[in-house]
Amino acid sequence: MTFRIEQLGELIVERRGSMGVRAAAAEIGTSSATLSRIENGQIPDLETFTKICRWLNVNPSEILGFQPVPDQPATAAVHFRKDTTLNPATGSSLGNLIVAAQAALRVRSTAGK
């Protein structure tokens, strides 16, 4: 199933059900203010996005709109987690780069068919 990044807030609200924002934020590992902003449409930084995807049990690629390359490990996520000082704008740019690379690979793989 594929979701749009704009649906992230809706997915959070649906997943937490009657659970309060503070309790859900504690489970996710973020602040309730941050979670509330995301539920209201703000795009999270990369670290928070990763935590939310883990909590939702959703592969980030399902939200970012790209298919993983078969037989290729997801090493980028490991590097992002190591860098706790990653600027949100840098994370967003890196995410856009990954999405563009995935799209280019899809085009190239379908062009040869």
N, C-alpha and C. Protein backbone atom coordinates (compact mmCIF):
# COMPACT_ATOMS: atom_id res chain seq x y z
N MET A 1 0.84 -1.17 0.00
CA MET A 1 0.00 0.00 0.00
C MET A 1 0.89 1.24 0.00
N THR A 2 0.52 2.25 -0.73
CA THR A 2 1.29 3.48 -0.81
C THR A 2 0.48 4.64 -0.23
N PHE A 3 1.16 5.48 0.54
CA PHE A 3 0.55 6.65 1.14
C PHE A 3 1.31 7.88 0.65
N ARG A 4 0.70 9.03 0.78
CA ARG A 4 1.40 10.29 0.49
C ARG A 4 1.90 10.86 1.81
N ILE A 5 2.99 11.60 1.76
CA ILE A 5 3.54 12.20 2.97
C ILE A 5 2.51 13.10 3.66
N GLU A 6 1.61 13.67 2.87
CA GLU A 6 0.57 14.53 3.43
C GLU A 6 -0.41 13.74 4.29
N GLN A 7 -0.45 12.42 4.13
CA GLN A 7 -1.37 11.58 4.89
C GLN A 7 -0.76 11.12 6.22
N LEU A 8 0.47 11.47 6.49
CA LEU A 8 1.14 10.99 7.69
C LEU A 8 0.37 11.34 8.95
N GLY A 9 -0.11 12.58 9.05
CA GLY A 9 -0.88 12.99 10.22
C GLY A 9 -2.14 12.16 10.40
N GLU A 10 -2.82 11.88 9.30
CA GLU A 10 -4.04 11.05 9.36
C GLU A 10 -3.71 9.65 9.83
N LEU A 11 -2.59 9.10 9.36
CA LEU A 11 -2.19 7.76 9.77
C LEU A 11 -1.89 7.71 11.27
N ILE A 12 -1.27 8.77 11.77
CA ILE A 12 -0.96 8.84 13.21
C ILE A 12 -2.24 8.88 14.02
N VAL A 13 -3.16 9.76 13.62
CA VAL A 13 -4.43 9.89 14.35
C VAL A 13 -5.17 8.56 14.34
N GLU A 14 -5.20 7.91 13.20
CA GLU A 14 -5.88 6.61 13.09
C GLU A 14 -5.22 5.57 13.99
N ARG A 15 -3.90 5.52 13.97
CA ARG A 15 -3.17 4.51 14.76
C ARG A 15 -3.33 4.73 16.25
N ARG A 16 -3.31 5.99 16.68
CA ARG A 16 -3.37 6.23 18.13
C ARG A 16 -4.79 6.11 18.68
N GLY A 17 -5.81 6.19 17.82
CA GLY A 17 -7.20 5.99 18.27
C GLY A 17 -7.54 6.87 19.45
N SER A 18 -7.93 6.25 20.56
CA SER A 18 -8.32 7.02 21.75
C SER A 18 -7.12 7.36 22.63
N MET A 19 -5.94 6.90 22.24
CA MET A 19 -4.72 7.23 23.00
C MET A 19 -4.44 8.73 22.87
N GLY A 20 -4.07 9.35 23.94
CA GLY A 20 -3.76 10.77 23.91
C GLY A 20 -2.48 11.07 23.13
N VAL A 21 -2.34 12.33 22.74
CA VAL A 21 -1.16 12.75 21.99
C VAL A 21 0.11 12.54 22.81
N ARG A 22 0.05 12.86 24.10
CA ARG A 22 1.24 12.70 24.96
C ARG A 22 1.66 11.24 25.05
N ALA A 23 0.71 10.34 25.21
CA ALA A 23 1.04 8.92 25.33
C ALA A 23 1.62 8.40 24.02
N ALA A 24 1.02 8.78 22.90
CA ALA A 24 1.53 8.34 21.60
C ALA A 24 2.92 8.91 21.36
N ALA A 25 3.12 10.18 21.69
CA ALA A 25 4.44 10.80 21.51
C ALA A 25 5.50 10.09 22.34
N ALA A 26 5.14 9.70 23.55
CA ALA A 26 6.08 8.98 24.41
C ALA A 26 6.44 7.63 23.79
N GLU A 27 5.46 6.93 23.23
CA GLU A 27 5.73 5.65 22.56
C GLU A 27 6.65 5.84 21.36
N ILE A 28 6.42 6.91 20.62
CA ILE A 28 7.19 7.18 19.40
C ILE A 28 8.60 7.65 19.75
N GLY A 29 8.70 8.43 20.83
CA GLY A 29 9.99 8.98 21.21
C GLY A 29 10.19 10.40 20.73
N THR A 30 9.10 11.16 20.71
CA THR A 30 9.14 12.56 20.30
C THR A 30 8.29 13.37 21.27
N SER A 31 8.26 14.66 21.11
CA SER A 31 7.44 15.49 22.00
C SER A 31 5.99 15.52 21.52
N SER A 32 5.09 15.79 22.45
CA SER A 32 3.68 15.87 22.08
C SER A 32 3.43 17.08 21.16
N ALA A 33 4.20 18.15 21.35
CA ALA A 33 4.04 19.32 20.48
C ALA A 33 4.42 18.98 19.05
N THR A 34 5.53 18.24 18.89
CA THR A 34 5.95 17.83 17.55
C THR A 34 4.91 16.92 16.93
N LEU A 35 4.43 15.95 17.68
CA LEU A 35 3.43 15.03 17.15
C LEU A 35 2.16 15.77 16.75
N SER A 36 1.74 16.72 17.56
CA SER A 36 0.55 17.51 17.24
C SER A 36 0.74 18.30 15.94
N ARG A 37 1.92 18.89 15.76
CA ARG A 37 2.18 19.64 14.52
C ARG A 37 2.12 18.72 13.31
N ILE A 38 2.65 17.51 13.43
CA ILE A 38 2.65 16.56 12.31
C ILE A 38 1.22 16.11 12.02
N GLU A 39 0.45 15.87 13.07
CA GLU A 39 -0.96 15.51 12.86
C GLU A 39 -1.73 16.62 12.14
N ASN A 40 -1.26 17.85 12.29
CA ASN A 40 -1.91 18.99 11.65
C ASN A 40 -1.28 19.37 10.32
N GLY A 41 -0.45 18.47 9.77
CA GLY A 41 0.04 18.67 8.42
C GLY A 41 1.49 19.06 8.24
N GLN A 42 2.22 19.32 9.32
CA GLN A 42 3.63 19.67 9.17
C GLN A 42 4.43 18.41 8.82
N ILE A 43 5.41 18.57 7.94
CA ILE A 43 6.27 17.46 7.55
C ILE A 43 7.37 17.32 8.60
N PRO A 44 7.58 16.12 9.14
CA PRO A 44 8.59 15.95 10.19
C PRO A 44 10.01 15.93 9.64
N ASP A 45 10.97 16.14 10.54
CA ASP A 45 12.36 15.96 10.15
C ASP A 45 12.62 14.47 9.96
N LEU A 46 13.75 14.13 9.42
CA LEU A 46 14.05 12.75 9.06
C LEU A 46 14.06 11.80 10.25
N GLU A 47 14.64 12.24 11.36
CA GLU A 47 14.69 11.38 12.55
C GLU A 47 13.30 11.08 13.07
N THR A 48 12.46 12.10 13.15
CA THR A 48 11.09 11.91 13.63
C THR A 48 10.29 11.07 12.65
N PHE A 49 10.48 11.31 11.36
CA PHE A 49 9.81 10.52 10.33
C PHE A 49 10.14 9.03 10.49
N THR A 50 11.41 8.73 10.75
CA THR A 50 11.84 7.34 10.94
C THR A 50 11.15 6.73 12.16
N LYS A 51 11.11 7.47 13.25
CA LYS A 51 10.46 6.96 14.48
C LYS A 51 8.97 6.71 14.24
N ILE A 52 8.32 7.64 13.55
CA ILE A 52 6.89 7.50 13.29
C ILE A 52 6.62 6.29 12.40
N CYS A 53 7.42 6.12 11.36
CA CYS A 53 7.24 4.96 10.46
C CYS A 53 7.40 3.66 11.24
N ARG A 54 8.38 3.62 12.13
CA ARG A 54 8.59 2.43 12.95
C ARG A 54 7.35 2.19 13.82
N TRP A 55 6.82 3.24 14.44
CA TRP A 55 5.65 3.14 15.30
C TRP A 55 4.41 2.72 14.53
N LEU A 56 4.28 3.25 13.31
CA LEU A 56 3.14 2.90 12.46
C LEU A 56 3.30 1.52 11.82
N ASN A 57 4.53 0.99 11.90
CA ASN A 57 4.86 -0.27 11.24
C ASN A 57 4.66 -0.15 9.72
N VAL A 58 5.16 0.98 9.18
CA VAL A 58 5.05 1.29 7.76
C VAL A 58 6.45 1.50 7.21
N ASN A 59 6.74 0.90 6.07
CA ASN A 59 8.01 1.12 5.41
C ASN A 59 8.04 2.56 4.89
N PRO A 60 9.09 3.33 5.21
CA PRO A 60 9.14 4.72 4.73
C PRO A 60 8.96 4.85 3.22
N SER A 61 9.38 3.87 2.47
CA SER A 61 9.24 3.94 1.01
C SER A 61 7.77 3.98 0.60
N GLU A 62 6.88 3.42 1.43
CA GLU A 62 5.45 3.46 1.13
C GLU A 62 4.91 4.88 1.22
N ILE A 63 5.55 5.72 2.03
CA ILE A 63 5.11 7.10 2.19
C ILE A 63 5.85 8.02 1.23
N LEU A 64 7.13 7.73 1.00
CA LEU A 64 7.93 8.57 0.11
C LEU A 64 7.67 8.30 -1.36
N GLY A 65 7.00 7.19 -1.66
CA GLY A 65 6.58 6.93 -3.02
C GLY A 65 7.59 6.28 -3.92
N PHE A 66 8.49 5.48 -3.38
CA PHE A 66 9.41 4.75 -4.24
C PHE A 66 9.51 3.31 -3.80
N GLN A 67 9.88 2.49 -4.74
CA GLN A 67 10.03 1.06 -4.49
C GLN A 67 11.49 0.77 -4.20
N PRO A 68 11.77 -0.07 -3.20
CA PRO A 68 13.16 -0.42 -2.94
C PRO A 68 13.76 -1.20 -4.11
N VAL A 69 15.05 -1.02 -4.30
CA VAL A 69 15.75 -1.77 -5.33
C VAL A 69 15.94 -3.19 -4.82
N PRO A 70 15.52 -4.22 -5.59
CA PRO A 70 15.65 -5.60 -5.12
C PRO A 70 17.10 -5.95 -4.80
N ASP A 71 17.28 -6.74 -3.77
CA ASP A 71 18.58 -7.24 -3.35
C ASP A 71 19.57 -6.13 -2.99
N GLN A 72 19.08 -4.98 -2.57
CA GLN A 72 19.96 -3.90 -2.17
C GLN A 72 19.60 -3.49 -0.75
N PRO A 73 20.56 -3.56 0.17
CA PRO A 73 20.25 -3.21 1.56
C PRO A 73 19.96 -1.73 1.72
N ALA A 74 19.16 -1.42 2.72
CA ALA A 74 18.79 -0.03 3.00
C ALA A 74 19.84 0.59 3.92
N THR A 75 20.99 0.92 3.38
CA THR A 75 22.09 1.43 4.19
C THR A 75 21.95 2.91 4.52
N ALA A 76 21.21 3.66 3.75
CA ALA A 76 21.07 5.10 4.00
C ALA A 76 20.45 5.35 5.36
N ALA A 77 19.47 4.58 5.74
CA ALA A 77 18.81 4.78 7.03
C ALA A 77 19.79 4.61 8.18
N VAL A 78 20.71 3.69 8.06
CA VAL A 78 21.70 3.47 9.10
C VAL A 78 22.57 4.72 9.26
N HIS A 79 23.00 5.30 8.16
CA HIS A 79 23.83 6.49 8.23
C HIS A 79 23.06 7.68 8.79
N PHE A 80 21.78 7.82 8.46
CA PHE A 80 20.99 8.91 9.00
C PHE A 80 20.86 8.78 10.52
N ARG A 81 20.66 7.57 11.01
CA ARG A 81 20.50 7.38 12.44
C ARG A 81 21.78 7.69 13.20
N LYS A 82 22.94 7.48 12.60
CA LYS A 82 24.21 7.76 13.26
C LYS A 82 24.43 9.25 13.45
N ASP A 83 23.92 10.07 12.54
CA ASP A 83 24.17 11.50 12.57
C ASP A 83 23.04 12.20 13.31
N THR A 84 23.23 12.43 14.62
CA THR A 84 22.17 13.05 15.42
C THR A 84 22.10 14.55 15.22
N THR A 85 23.06 15.13 14.50
CA THR A 85 23.06 16.57 14.27
C THR A 85 22.59 16.93 12.87
N LEU A 86 21.96 16.01 12.19
CA LEU A 86 21.51 16.25 10.82
C LEU A 86 20.48 17.38 10.80
N ASN A 87 20.78 18.39 10.03
CA ASN A 87 19.88 19.52 9.86
C ASN A 87 18.63 19.05 9.11
N PRO A 88 17.42 19.44 9.55
CA PRO A 88 16.20 19.00 8.85
C PRO A 88 16.20 19.33 7.36
N ALA A 89 16.75 20.48 6.98
CA ALA A 89 16.79 20.82 5.55
C ALA A 89 17.72 19.87 4.80
N THR A 90 18.82 19.50 5.43
CA THR A 90 19.73 18.53 4.82
C THR A 90 19.05 17.18 4.68
N GLY A 91 18.35 16.76 5.72
CA GLY A 91 17.63 15.50 5.67
C GLY A 91 16.58 15.49 4.57
N SER A 92 15.88 16.59 4.43
CA SER A 92 14.88 16.71 3.38
C SER A 92 15.53 16.65 2.00
N SER A 93 16.64 17.34 1.84
CA SER A 93 17.35 17.31 0.56
C SER A 93 17.86 15.92 0.24
N LEU A 94 18.39 15.23 1.24
CA LEU A 94 18.86 13.86 1.02
C LEU A 94 17.70 12.94 0.67
N GLY A 95 16.57 13.13 1.33
CA GLY A 95 15.39 12.34 1.00
C GLY A 95 14.94 12.56 -0.43
N ASN A 96 14.94 13.83 -0.86
CA ASN A 96 14.57 14.15 -2.24
C ASN A 96 15.55 13.52 -3.22
N LEU A 97 16.83 13.53 -2.88
CA LEU A 97 17.84 12.91 -3.73
C LEU A 97 17.59 11.41 -3.87
N ILE A 98 17.27 10.76 -2.77
CA ILE A 98 17.01 9.32 -2.79
C ILE A 98 15.78 9.03 -3.65
N VAL A 99 14.73 9.81 -3.48
CA VAL A 99 13.51 9.61 -4.27
C VAL A 99 13.81 9.80 -5.76
N ALA A 100 14.58 10.84 -6.10
CA ALA A 100 14.93 11.09 -7.50
C ALA A 100 15.77 9.95 -8.07
N ALA A 101 16.69 9.44 -7.29
CA ALA A 101 17.52 8.33 -7.75
C ALA A 101 16.68 7.08 -7.99
N GLN A 102 15.75 6.82 -7.07
CA GLN A 102 14.87 5.67 -7.24
C GLN A 102 14.02 5.82 -8.50
N ALA A 103 13.50 7.02 -8.75
CA ALA A 103 12.69 7.26 -9.95
C ALA A 103 13.53 7.05 -11.20
N ALA A 104 14.76 7.53 -11.19
CA ALA A 104 15.64 7.35 -12.35
C ALA A 104 15.94 5.87 -12.59
N LEU A 105 16.13 5.12 -11.53
CA LEU A 105 16.36 3.68 -11.69
C LEU A 105 15.14 2.98 -12.25
N ARG A 106 13.95 3.40 -11.80
CA ARG A 106 12.72 2.80 -12.34
C ARG A 106 12.59 3.08 -13.82
N VAL A 107 12.84 4.32 -14.22
CA VAL A 107 12.75 4.70 -15.64
C VAL A 107 13.74 3.89 -16.45
N ARG A 108 14.96 3.79 -15.95
CA ARG A 108 16.00 3.05 -16.67
C ARG A 108 15.65 1.56 -16.78
N SER A 109 15.09 0.99 -15.71
CA SER A 109 14.77 -0.44 -15.76
C SER A 109 13.57 -0.73 -16.67
N THR A 110 12.62 0.21 -16.77
CA THR A 110 11.47 -0.02 -17.65
C THR A 110 11.79 0.33 -19.10
N ALA A 111 12.78 1.18 -19.34
CA ALA A 111 13.16 1.54 -20.69
C ALA A 111 13.81 0.37 -21.43
N GLY A 112 14.44 -0.51 -20.68
CA GLY A 112 15.11 -1.64 -21.30
C GLY A 112 14.19 -2.80 -21.58
N LYS A 113 12.92 -2.67 -21.23
CA LYS A 113 11.97 -3.79 -21.42
C LYS A 113 11.25 -3.69 -22.74
